[in-house]
């Protein structure tokens, strides 16, 4: 929950460039995502391209500048 304002800002600042999907690890509906992109810690942030390929991953707090730089670099 501590990352919510940062993630909201990233989503707002990059509207049209990316889609933010928030998963509740307790919700069974999240299971297919967790099986396809396994992780051990929350929060985990993963960039996935339109074909489902993982491009970038980080665990813990995320720096919005790091996200912006990753988006600028592209795949």
PDB file of N, CA and C in Angstrom:
ATOM      1  N   UNK A   1       0.821  -1.198   0.000  1.00  0.00           N
ATOM      2  CA  UNK A   1       0.000   0.000   0.000  1.00  0.00           C
ATOM      3  C   UNK A   1       0.865   1.263   0.000  1.00  0.00           C
ATOM      4  N   UNK A   2       2.069   1.161   0.543  1.00  0.00           N
ATOM      5  CA  UNK A   2       2.937   2.334   0.585  1.00  0.00           C
ATOM      6  C   UNK A   2       3.319   2.797  -0.821  1.00  0.00           C
ATOM      7  N   UNK A   3       3.343   1.885  -1.768  1.00  0.00           N
ATOM      8  CA  UNK A   3       3.731   2.222  -3.137  1.00  0.00           C
ATOM      9  C   UNK A   3       2.566   2.758  -3.966  1.00  0.00           C
ATOM     10  N   UNK A   4       1.352   2.691  -3.444  1.00  0.00           N
ATOM     11  CA  UNK A   4       0.182   3.091  -4.224  1.00  0.00           C
ATOM     12  C   UNK A   4       0.294   4.497  -4.810  1.00  0.00           C
ATOM     13  N   UNK A   5       0.664   5.514  -4.036  1.00  0.00           N
ATOM     14  CA  UNK A   5       0.763   6.850  -4.638  1.00  0.00           C
ATOM     15  C   UNK A   5       1.808   6.922  -5.760  1.00  0.00           C
ATOM     16  N   UNK A   6       2.895   6.197  -5.614  1.00  0.00           N
ATOM     17  CA  UNK A   6       3.932   6.202  -6.648  1.00  0.00           C
ATOM     18  C   UNK A   6       3.432   5.498  -7.904  1.00  0.00           C
ATOM     19  N   UNK A   7       2.805   4.340  -7.729  1.00  0.00           N
ATOM     20  CA  UNK A   7       2.276   3.604  -8.878  1.00  0.00           C
ATOM     21  C   UNK A   7       1.168   4.408  -9.553  1.00  0.00           C
ATOM     22  N   UNK A   8       0.316   5.049  -8.769  1.00  0.00           N
ATOM     23  CA  UNK A   8      -0.722   5.901  -9.344  1.00  0.00           C
ATOM     24  C   UNK A   8      -0.105   7.015 -10.183  1.00  0.00           C
ATOM     25  N   UNK A   9       0.978   7.603  -9.696  1.00  0.00           N
ATOM     26  CA  UNK A   9       1.657   8.663 -10.437  1.00  0.00           C
ATOM     27  C   UNK A   9       2.272   8.164 -11.727  1.00  0.00           C
ATOM     28  N   UNK A  10       2.890   6.985 -11.688  1.00  0.00           N
ATOM     29  CA  UNK A  10       3.462   6.390 -12.893  1.00  0.00           C
ATOM     30  C   UNK A  10       2.361   6.126 -13.909  1.00  0.00           C
ATOM     31  N   UNK A  11       1.255   5.576 -13.433  1.00  0.00           N
ATOM     32  CA  UNK A  11       0.123   5.287 -14.316  1.00  0.00           C
ATOM     33  C   UNK A  11      -0.399   6.575 -14.953  1.00  0.00           C
ATOM     34  N   UNK A  12      -0.516   7.619 -14.178  1.00  0.00           N
ATOM     35  CA  UNK A  12      -1.013   8.907 -14.665  1.00  0.00           C
ATOM     36  C   UNK A  12      -0.015   9.527 -15.662  1.00  0.00           C
ATOM     37  N   UNK A  13       1.266   9.528 -15.292  1.00  0.00           N
ATOM     38  CA  UNK A  13       2.286  10.169 -16.120  1.00  0.00           C
ATOM     39  C   UNK A  13       2.528   9.456 -17.440  1.00  0.00           C
ATOM     40  N   UNK A  14       2.213   8.169 -17.492  1.00  0.00           N
ATOM     41  CA  UNK A  14       2.476   7.372 -18.690  1.00  0.00           C
ATOM     42  C   UNK A  14       1.198   6.808 -19.295  1.00  0.00           C
ATOM     43  N   UNK A  15       0.086   7.505 -19.079  1.00  0.00           N
ATOM     44  CA  UNK A  15      -1.192   7.078 -19.658  1.00  0.00           C
ATOM     45  C   UNK A  15      -1.028   6.976 -21.176  1.00  0.00           C
ATOM     46  N   UNK A  16      -1.529   5.900 -21.733  1.00  0.00           N
ATOM     47  CA  UNK A  16      -1.417   5.667 -23.160  1.00  0.00           C
ATOM     48  C   UNK A  16      -0.154   4.914 -23.552  1.00  0.00           C
ATOM     49  N   UNK A  17       0.844   4.890 -22.664  1.00  0.00           N
ATOM     50  CA  UNK A  17       2.085   4.169 -22.931  1.00  0.00           C
ATOM     51  C   UNK A  17       2.087   2.797 -22.276  1.00  0.00           C
ATOM     52  N   UNK A  18       1.380   2.676 -21.157  1.00  0.00           N
ATOM     53  CA  UNK A  18       1.385   1.420 -20.423  1.00  0.00           C
ATOM     54  C   UNK A  18       0.064   1.228 -19.710  1.00  0.00           C
ATOM     55  N   UNK A  19      -0.189   0.006 -19.354  1.00  0.00           N
ATOM     56  CA  UNK A  19      -1.352  -0.357 -18.556  1.00  0.00           C
ATOM     57  C   UNK A  19      -0.841  -0.908 -17.243  1.00  0.00           C
ATOM     58  N   UNK A  20      -1.379  -0.417 -16.155  1.00  0.00           N
ATOM     59  CA  UNK A  20      -0.986  -0.900 -14.833  1.00  0.00           C
ATOM     60  C   UNK A  20      -2.000  -1.941 -14.398  1.00  0.00           C
ATOM     61  N   UNK A  21      -1.495  -3.105 -14.058  1.00  0.00           N
ATOM     62  CA  UNK A  21      -2.327  -4.187 -13.552  1.00  0.00           C
ATOM     63  C   UNK A  21      -1.891  -4.456 -12.124  1.00  0.00           C
ATOM     64  N   UNK A  22      -2.804  -4.293 -11.191  1.00  0.00           N
ATOM     65  CA  UNK A  22      -2.508  -4.552  -9.788  1.00  0.00           C
ATOM     66  C   UNK A  22      -3.130  -5.891  -9.414  1.00  0.00           C
ATOM     67  N   UNK A  23      -2.309  -6.758  -8.855  1.00  0.00           N
ATOM     68  CA  UNK A  23      -2.798  -8.076  -8.470  1.00  0.00           C
ATOM     69  C   UNK A  23      -2.820  -8.213  -6.960  1.00  0.00           C
ATOM     70  N   UNK A  24      -3.887  -8.790  -6.456  1.00  0.00           N
ATOM     71  CA  UNK A  24      -3.991  -9.143  -5.048  1.00  0.00           C
ATOM     72  C   UNK A  24      -3.573 -10.604  -4.945  1.00  0.00           C
ATOM     73  N   UNK A  25      -2.446 -10.870  -4.297  1.00  0.00           N
ATOM     74  CA  UNK A  25      -1.929 -12.241  -4.241  1.00  0.00           C
ATOM     75  C   UNK A  25      -2.856 -13.174  -3.478  1.00  0.00           C
ATOM     76  N   UNK A  26      -3.788 -12.632  -2.723  1.00  0.00           N
ATOM     77  CA  UNK A  26      -4.755 -13.451  -1.984  1.00  0.00           C
ATOM     78  C   UNK A  26      -5.961 -13.843  -2.834  1.00  0.00           C
ATOM     79  N   UNK A  27      -6.124 -13.187  -3.983  1.00  0.00           N
ATOM     80  CA  UNK A  27      -7.286 -13.415  -4.836  1.00  0.00           C
ATOM     81  C   UNK A  27      -7.002 -14.553  -5.820  1.00  0.00           C
ATOM     82  N   UNK A  28      -7.818 -15.606  -5.818  1.00  0.00           N
ATOM     83  CA  UNK A  28      -7.607 -16.725  -6.744  1.00  0.00           C
ATOM     84  C   UNK A  28      -7.584 -16.291  -8.216  1.00  0.00           C
ATOM     85  N   UNK A  29      -8.238 -15.194  -8.563  1.00  0.00           N
ATOM     86  CA  UNK A  29      -8.238 -14.721  -9.945  1.00  0.00           C
ATOM     87  C   UNK A  29      -6.839 -14.283 -10.389  1.00  0.00           C
ATOM     88  N   UNK A  30      -5.957 -14.011  -9.453  1.00  0.00           N
ATOM     89  CA  UNK A  30      -4.584 -13.605  -9.773  1.00  0.00           C
ATOM     90  C   UNK A  30      -3.674 -14.796 -10.057  1.00  0.00           C
ATOM     91  N   UNK A  31      -4.115 -15.983  -9.739  1.00  0.00           N
ATOM     92  CA  UNK A  31      -3.288 -17.177  -9.844  1.00  0.00           C
ATOM     93  C   UNK A  31      -2.648 -17.382 -11.221  1.00  0.00           C
ATOM     94  N   UNK A  32      -3.391 -17.240 -12.322  1.00  0.00           N
ATOM     95  CA  UNK A  32      -2.753 -17.446 -13.635  1.00  0.00           C
ATOM     96  C   UNK A  32      -1.580 -16.492 -13.877  1.00  0.00           C
ATOM     97  N   UNK A  33      -1.717 -15.260 -13.440  1.00  0.00           N
ATOM     98  CA  UNK A  33      -0.625 -14.290 -13.600  1.00  0.00           C
ATOM     99  C   UNK A  33       0.572 -14.696 -12.744  1.00  0.00           C
ATOM    100  N   UNK A  34       0.295 -15.139 -11.530  1.00  0.00           N
ATOM    101  CA  UNK A  34       1.373 -15.507 -10.610  1.00  0.00           C
ATOM    102  C   UNK A  34       2.093 -16.772 -11.083  1.00  0.00           C
ATOM    103  N   UNK A  35       1.395 -17.639 -11.789  1.00  0.00           N
ATOM    104  CA  UNK A  35       2.034 -18.831 -12.342  1.00  0.00           C
ATOM    105  C   UNK A  35       2.904 -18.474 -13.553  1.00  0.00           C
ATOM    106  N   UNK A  36       2.426 -17.555 -14.359  1.00  0.00           N
ATOM    107  CA  UNK A  36       3.175 -17.188 -15.567  1.00  0.00           C
ATOM    108  C   UNK A  36       4.394 -16.319 -15.241  1.00  0.00           C
ATOM    109  N   UNK A  37       4.261 -15.448 -14.250  1.00  0.00           N
ATOM    110  CA  UNK A  37       5.338 -14.542 -13.855  1.00  0.00           C
ATOM    111  C   UNK A  37       5.617 -14.732 -12.362  1.00  0.00           C
ATOM    112  N   UNK A  38       6.238 -15.843 -12.000  1.00  0.00           N
ATOM    113  CA  UNK A  38       6.419 -16.159 -10.577  1.00  0.00           C
ATOM    114  C   UNK A  38       7.279 -15.120  -9.856  1.00  0.00           C
ATOM    115  N   UNK A  39       6.961 -14.955  -8.591  1.00  0.00           N
ATOM    116  CA  UNK A  39       7.717 -14.050  -7.732  1.00  0.00           C
ATOM    117  C   UNK A  39       7.601 -14.536  -6.303  1.00  0.00           C
ATOM    118  N   UNK A  40       8.506 -14.060  -5.453  1.00  0.00           N
ATOM    119  CA  UNK A  40       8.506 -14.476  -4.056  1.00  0.00           C
ATOM    120  C   UNK A  40       8.146 -13.350  -3.102  1.00  0.00           C
ATOM    121  N   UNK A  41       8.352 -12.117  -3.514  1.00  0.00           N
ATOM    122  CA  UNK A  41       8.191 -10.996  -2.590  1.00  0.00           C
ATOM    123  C   UNK A  41       7.202  -9.984  -3.136  1.00  0.00           C
ATOM    124  N   UNK A  42       6.536  -9.312  -2.225  1.00  0.00           N
ATOM    125  CA  UNK A  42       5.666  -8.210  -2.610  1.00  0.00           C
ATOM    126  C   UNK A  42       6.167  -6.947  -1.924  1.00  0.00           C
ATOM    127  N   UNK A  43       6.128  -5.828  -2.613  1.00  0.00           N
ATOM    128  CA  UNK A  43       5.659  -5.718  -4.000  1.00  0.00           C
ATOM    129  C   UNK A  43       6.736  -6.123  -4.994  1.00  0.00           C
ATOM    130  N   UNK A  44       6.275  -6.691  -6.095  1.00  0.00           N
ATOM    131  CA  UNK A  44       7.120  -6.966  -7.252  1.00  0.00           C
ATOM    132  C   UNK A  44       6.508  -6.224  -8.429  1.00  0.00           C
ATOM    133  N   UNK A  45       7.346  -5.531  -9.170  1.00  0.00           N
ATOM    134  CA  UNK A  45       6.903  -4.780 -10.344  1.00  0.00           C
ATOM    135  C   UNK A  45       7.524  -5.419 -11.567  1.00  0.00           C
ATOM    136  N   UNK A  46       6.683  -5.700 -12.569  1.00  0.00           N
ATOM    137  CA  UNK A  46       7.137  -6.367 -13.782  1.00  0.00           C
ATOM    138  C   UNK A  46       6.600  -5.584 -14.981  1.00  0.00           C
ATOM    139  N   UNK A  47       7.487  -5.276 -15.934  1.00  0.00           N
ATOM    140  CA  UNK A  47       7.067  -4.719 -17.220  1.00  0.00           C
ATOM    141  C   UNK A  47       6.947  -5.885 -18.180  1.00  0.00           C
ATOM    142  N   UNK A  48       5.811  -5.956 -18.865  1.00  0.00           N
ATOM    143  CA  UNK A  48       5.538  -7.021 -19.820  1.00  0.00           C
ATOM    144  C   UNK A  48       5.135  -6.362 -21.129  1.00  0.00           C
ATOM    145  N   UNK A  49       5.717  -6.815 -22.253  1.00  0.00           N
ATOM    146  CA  UNK A  49       5.353  -6.213 -23.533  1.00  0.00           C
ATOM    147  C   UNK A  49       4.031  -6.789 -24.035  1.00  0.00           C
ATOM    148  N   UNK A  50       3.582  -6.306 -25.170  1.00  0.00           N
ATOM    149  CA  UNK A  50       2.300  -6.717 -25.729  1.00  0.00           C
ATOM    150  C   UNK A  50       2.219  -8.185 -26.104  1.00  0.00           C
ATOM    151  N   UNK A  51       3.385  -8.846 -26.223  1.00  0.00           N
ATOM    152  CA  UNK A  51       3.408 -10.266 -26.551  1.00  0.00           C
ATOM    153  C   UNK A  51       3.558 -11.137 -25.306  1.00  0.00           C
ATOM    154  N   UNK A  52       3.574 -10.500 -24.132  1.00  0.00           N
ATOM    155  CA  UNK A  52       3.660 -11.259 -22.889  1.00  0.00           C
ATOM    156  C   UNK A  52       5.079 -11.550 -22.423  1.00  0.00           C
ATOM    157  N   UNK A  53       6.081 -10.959 -23.081  1.00  0.00           N
ATOM    158  CA  UNK A  53       7.468 -11.166 -22.690  1.00  0.00           C
ATOM    159  C   UNK A  53       7.849 -10.205 -21.570  1.00  0.00           C
ATOM    160  N   UNK A  54       8.490 -10.732 -20.561  1.00  0.00           N
ATOM    161  CA  UNK A  54       8.939  -9.892 -19.457  1.00  0.00           C
ATOM    162  C   UNK A  54      10.118  -9.046 -19.917  1.00  0.00           C
ATOM    163  N   UNK A  55      10.024  -7.730 -19.680  1.00  0.00           N
ATOM    164  CA  UNK A  55      11.071  -6.803 -20.094  1.00  0.00           C
ATOM    165  C   UNK A  55      11.892  -6.291 -18.923  1.00  0.00           C
ATOM    166  N   UNK A  56      11.272  -6.194 -17.764  1.00  0.00           N
ATOM    167  CA  UNK A  56      11.913  -5.536 -16.630  1.00  0.00           C
ATOM    168  C   UNK A  56      11.224  -5.997 -15.362  1.00  0.00           C
ATOM    169  N   UNK A  57      11.996  -6.127 -14.276  1.00  0.00           N
ATOM    170  CA  UNK A  57      11.427  -6.563 -13.004  1.00  0.00           C
ATOM    171  C   UNK A  57      12.234  -5.945 -11.877  1.00  0.00           C
ATOM    172  N   UNK A  58      11.528  -5.559 -10.823  1.00  0.00           N
ATOM    173  CA  UNK A  58      12.192  -5.097  -9.607  1.00  0.00           C
ATOM    174  C   UNK A  58      11.314  -5.464  -8.422  1.00  0.00           C
ATOM    175  N   UNK A  59      11.938  -5.597  -7.282  1.00  0.00           N
ATOM    176  CA  UNK A  59      11.243  -5.959  -6.045  1.00  0.00           C
ATOM    177  C   UNK A  59      11.420  -4.828  -5.052  1.00  0.00           C
ATOM    178  N   UNK A  60      10.360  -4.554  -4.310  1.00  0.00           N
ATOM    179  CA  UNK A  60      10.428  -3.508  -3.296  1.00  0.00           C
ATOM    180  C   UNK A  60      10.028  -2.165  -3.864  1.00  0.00           C
ATOM    181  N   UNK A  61      10.500  -1.134  -3.214  1.00  0.00           N
ATOM    182  CA  UNK A  61      10.158   0.225  -3.635  1.00  0.00           C
ATOM    183  C   UNK A  61      10.670   0.473  -5.045  1.00  0.00           C
ATOM    184  N   UNK A  62       9.882   1.198  -5.811  1.00  0.00           N
ATOM    185  CA  UNK A  62      10.265   1.526  -7.182  1.00  0.00           C
ATOM    186  C   UNK A  62      10.437   3.035  -7.287  1.00  0.00           C
ATOM    187  N   UNK A  63      11.475   3.426  -7.994  1.00  0.00           N
ATOM    188  CA  UNK A  63      11.766   4.834  -8.224  1.00  0.00           C
ATOM    189  C   UNK A  63      11.097   5.247  -9.534  1.00  0.00           C
ATOM    190  N   UNK A  64      10.201   6.232  -9.504  1.00  0.00           N
ATOM    191  CA  UNK A  64       9.521   6.644 -10.739  1.00  0.00           C
ATOM    192  C   UNK A  64      10.499   7.043 -11.839  1.00  0.00           C
ATOM    193  N   UNK A  65      11.659   7.578 -11.479  1.00  0.00           N
ATOM    194  CA  UNK A  65      12.659   7.955 -12.493  1.00  0.00           C
ATOM    195  C   UNK A  65      13.223   6.707 -13.179  1.00  0.00           C
ATOM    196  N   UNK A  66      13.373   5.611 -12.414  1.00  0.00           N
ATOM    197  CA  UNK A  66      13.850   4.364 -12.993  1.00  0.00           C
ATOM    198  C   UNK A  66      12.823   3.813 -13.981  1.00  0.00           C
ATOM    199  N   UNK A  67      11.551   3.935 -13.628  1.00  0.00           N
ATOM    200  CA  UNK A  67      10.489   3.482 -14.529  1.00  0.00           C
ATOM    201  C   UNK A  67      10.513   4.313 -15.802  1.00  0.00           C
ATOM    202  N   UNK A  68      10.601   5.633 -15.663  1.00  0.00           N
ATOM    203  CA  UNK A  68      10.629   6.509 -16.837  1.00  0.00           C
ATOM    204  C   UNK A  68      11.824   6.182 -17.727  1.00  0.00           C
ATOM    205  N   UNK A  69      12.986   5.947 -17.131  1.00  0.00           N
ATOM    206  CA  UNK A  69      14.170   5.607 -17.909  1.00  0.00           C
ATOM    207  C   UNK A  69      13.974   4.277 -18.633  1.00  0.00           C
ATOM    208  N   UNK A  70      13.354   3.305 -17.990  1.00  0.00           N
ATOM    209  CA  UNK A  70      13.092   2.012 -18.617  1.00  0.00           C
ATOM    210  C   UNK A  70      12.140   2.165 -19.795  1.00  0.00           C
ATOM    211  N   UNK A  71      11.140   3.022 -19.648  1.00  0.00           N
ATOM    212  CA  UNK A  71      10.195   3.249 -20.743  1.00  0.00           C
ATOM    213  C   UNK A  71      10.875   3.952 -21.911  1.00  0.00           C
ATOM    214  N   UNK A  72      11.777   4.895 -21.597  1.00  0.00           N
ATOM    215  CA  UNK A  72      12.490   5.622 -22.643  1.00  0.00           C
ATOM    216  C   UNK A  72      13.440   4.721 -23.425  1.00  0.00           C
ATOM    217  N   UNK A  73      14.037   3.734 -22.726  1.00  0.00           N
ATOM    218  CA  UNK A  73      14.980   2.808 -23.371  1.00  0.00           C
ATOM    219  C   UNK A  73      14.275   1.901 -24.358  1.00  0.00           C
ATOM    220  N   UNK A  74      13.057   1.500 -24.003  1.00  0.00           N
ATOM    221  CA  UNK A  74      12.309   0.574 -24.853  1.00  0.00           C
ATOM    222  C   UNK A  74      12.892  -0.828 -24.755  1.00  0.00           C
ATOM    223  N   UNK A  75      12.275  -1.779 -25.465  1.00  0.00           N
ATOM    224  CA  UNK A  75      12.736  -3.166 -25.403  1.00  0.00           C
ATOM    225  C   UNK A  75      14.082  -3.359 -26.070  1.00  0.00           C
TER     226      UNK A  75
END
